[in-house]
Protein backbone atom coordinates (compact mmCIF):
# COMPACT_ATOMS: atom_id res chain seq x y z
CA UNK A 1 0.92 7.67 3.80
CA UNK A 2 -0.93 5.52 1.31
CA UNK A 3 -4.59 4.72 0.93
CA UNK A 4 -4.69 1.45 2.90
CA UNK A 5 -2.82 2.73 5.99
CA UNK A 6 -4.90 5.92 6.01
CA UNK A 7 -8.19 4.03 5.82
CA UNK A 8 -7.13 1.67 8.61
CA UNK A 9 -6.21 4.55 10.94
CA UNK A 10 -9.40 6.44 10.05
CA UNK A 11 -11.40 3.30 10.89
CA UNK A 12 -9.66 3.03 14.29
CA UNK A 13 -10.41 6.71 14.97
CA UNK A 14 -14.07 6.18 14.02
CA UNK A 15 -14.33 3.23 16.42
CA UNK A 16 -12.80 5.29 19.24
CA UNK A 17 -15.22 8.12 18.47
CA UNK A 18 -18.18 5.71 18.61
CA UNK A 19 -17.09 4.41 22.01
CA UNK A 20 -16.59 7.87 23.48
CA UNK A 21 -19.89 9.10 22.00
CA UNK A 22 -21.78 6.23 23.64
CA UNK A 23 -20.16 7.14 26.95
CA UNK A 24 -21.66 10.60 26.59
CA UNK A 25 -25.20 9.15 26.10
CA UNK A 26 -26.13 7.61 29.49
CA UNK A 27 -29.82 7.58 28.56
CA UNK A 28 -29.12 4.48 26.44
CA UNK A 29 -27.81 2.68 29.51
CA UNK A 30 -24.41 2.04 27.90
CA UNK A 31 -21.23 3.09 29.61
CA UNK A 32 -17.73 2.84 28.18
CA UNK A 33 -15.86 5.16 30.48
CA UNK A 34 -12.11 5.16 30.48
CA UNK A 35 -11.71 4.57 26.74
CA UNK A 36 -8.17 5.23 25.62
CA UNK A 37 -5.94 4.71 22.61
CA UNK A 38 -2.70 2.74 22.71
CA UNK A 39 -1.11 4.31 19.65
CA UNK A 40 1.62 1.67 19.42
CA UNK A 41 -0.95 -1.14 19.33
CA UNK A 42 -3.08 0.76 16.82
CA UNK A 43 -0.11 1.29 14.50
CA UNK A 44 0.81 -2.41 14.86
CA UNK A 45 -2.77 -3.39 13.92
CA UNK A 46 -2.61 -1.05 10.90
CA UNK A 47 0.75 -2.52 9.81
CA UNK A 48 -0.72 -6.04 9.97
CA UNK A 49 -3.59 -5.01 7.69
CA UNK A 50 -1.22 -3.36 5.22
CA UNK A 51 1.03 -6.43 5.12
CA UNK A 52 -1.87 -8.86 4.58
CA UNK A 53 -3.39 -6.76 1.79
CA UNK A 54 -0.05 -6.16 0.07
CA UNK A 55 0.77 -9.88 0.17
CA UNK A 56 -2.68 -10.67 -1.22
CA UNK A 57 -2.22 -8.26 -4.13
CA UNK A 58 1.26 -9.66 -4.86
CA UNK A 59 -0.13 -13.21 -4.90
CA UNK A 60 -2.92 -12.23 -7.31
CA UNK A 61 -0.44 -10.52 -9.64
CA UNK A 62 1.88 -13.56 -9.67
CA UNK A 63 -1.03 -15.90 -10.38
CA UNK A 64 -1.97 -13.70 -13.34
CA UNK A 65 1.57 -14.06 -14.72
CA UNK A 66 2.55 -10.47 -13.96
CA UNK A 67 6.16 -9.66 -13.24
CA UNK A 68 6.26 -7.51 -10.14
CA UNK A 69 9.17 -5.08 -9.80
CA UNK A 70 9.17 -3.31 -6.45
CA UNK A 71 11.09 -0.08 -6.11
CA UNK A 72 11.04 3.63 -6.77
CA UNK A 73 10.00 4.41 -10.33
CA UNK A 74 10.66 7.39 -12.53
CA UNK A 75 8.39 7.59 -15.57
CA UNK A 76 10.53 8.57 -18.56
CA UNK A 77 7.70 8.83 -21.09
CA UNK A 78 4.31 7.24 -21.75
CA UNK A 79 5.80 3.76 -22.18
CA UNK A 80 9.06 3.68 -20.24
CA UNK A 81 9.84 3.61 -16.52
CA UNK A 82 13.17 3.46 -14.75
CA UNK A 83 12.84 1.52 -11.48
CA UNK A 84 15.48 1.59 -8.74
CA UNK A 85 15.27 -1.59 -6.65
CA UNK A 86 17.42 -3.13 -3.91
CA UNK A 87 18.74 -5.52 -6.63
CA UNK A 88 19.66 -2.75 -9.05
CA UNK A 89 18.14 -0.57 -11.72
CA UNK A 90 15.53 -1.81 -14.20
CA UNK A 91 14.15 -0.28 -17.36
CA UNK A 92 10.53 -1.23 -18.02
CA UNK A 93 9.65 -0.56 -21.63
CA UNK A 94 8.09 -2.14 -24.71
CA UNK A 95 10.49 -3.92 -27.07
CA UNK A 96 12.93 -3.19 -28.70
CA UNK A 97 15.36 -2.31 -25.94
CA UNK A 98 18.39 -1.60 -28.10
CA UNK A 99 18.53 2.04 -27.02
CA UNK A 100 18.11 1.47 -23.27
CA UNK A 101 21.42 1.94 -21.38
CA UNK A 102 20.71 -0.32 -18.38
CA UNK A 103 21.88 -3.84 -17.54
CA UNK A 104 18.44 -5.12 -16.52
CA UNK A 105 15.41 -4.74 -18.74
CA UNK A 106 11.81 -5.87 -18.61
CA UNK A 107 9.35 -5.81 -21.47
CA UNK A 108 5.80 -4.66 -20.89
CA UNK A 109 2.72 -3.77 -22.88
CA UNK A 110 1.23 -2.01 -19.85
CA UNK A 111 3.04 -0.54 -16.88
CA UNK A 112 0.62 -0.24 -13.96
CA UNK A 113 1.85 1.68 -10.96
CA UNK A 114 0.69 1.38 -7.36
CA UNK A 115 1.77 4.16 -5.08
CA UNK A 116 1.33 3.81 -1.39
C-alpha cells in the first residue's frame, strides 16, 4: 500500500482512537459510547482521497508539459526505463533511440518515478 492510502487509514484509526479515548474519560462530561468502524465506508473514503490526490497530481504534471506514462516500470540503467502499460510497452530514455528495440519510445532528460 502506498503512502497516501496508508496515511488516510492511519488518520481514520487516530480519529477512532480519539473518540474511544474520550468515552473512557467521563470526568470531562463527554460521552461517545457505541463508537464503531464501518470498514467498507472507511475504505471508500480512503479511495476517494487517493483518487482526488492522484487526479490533482496528474493535472499539475500535464500543466507543466510533462508526459505522463502510467504503468509498471523496470529501470534498465540510470537513464532508461521500460514501462509496460495497457496500451503497450514504452522505452523512456534520452535520445538517440537507435538502439532501443521497442515500437514506442519517449525521450526524457529526467525520469521521475512515483510508486504507490
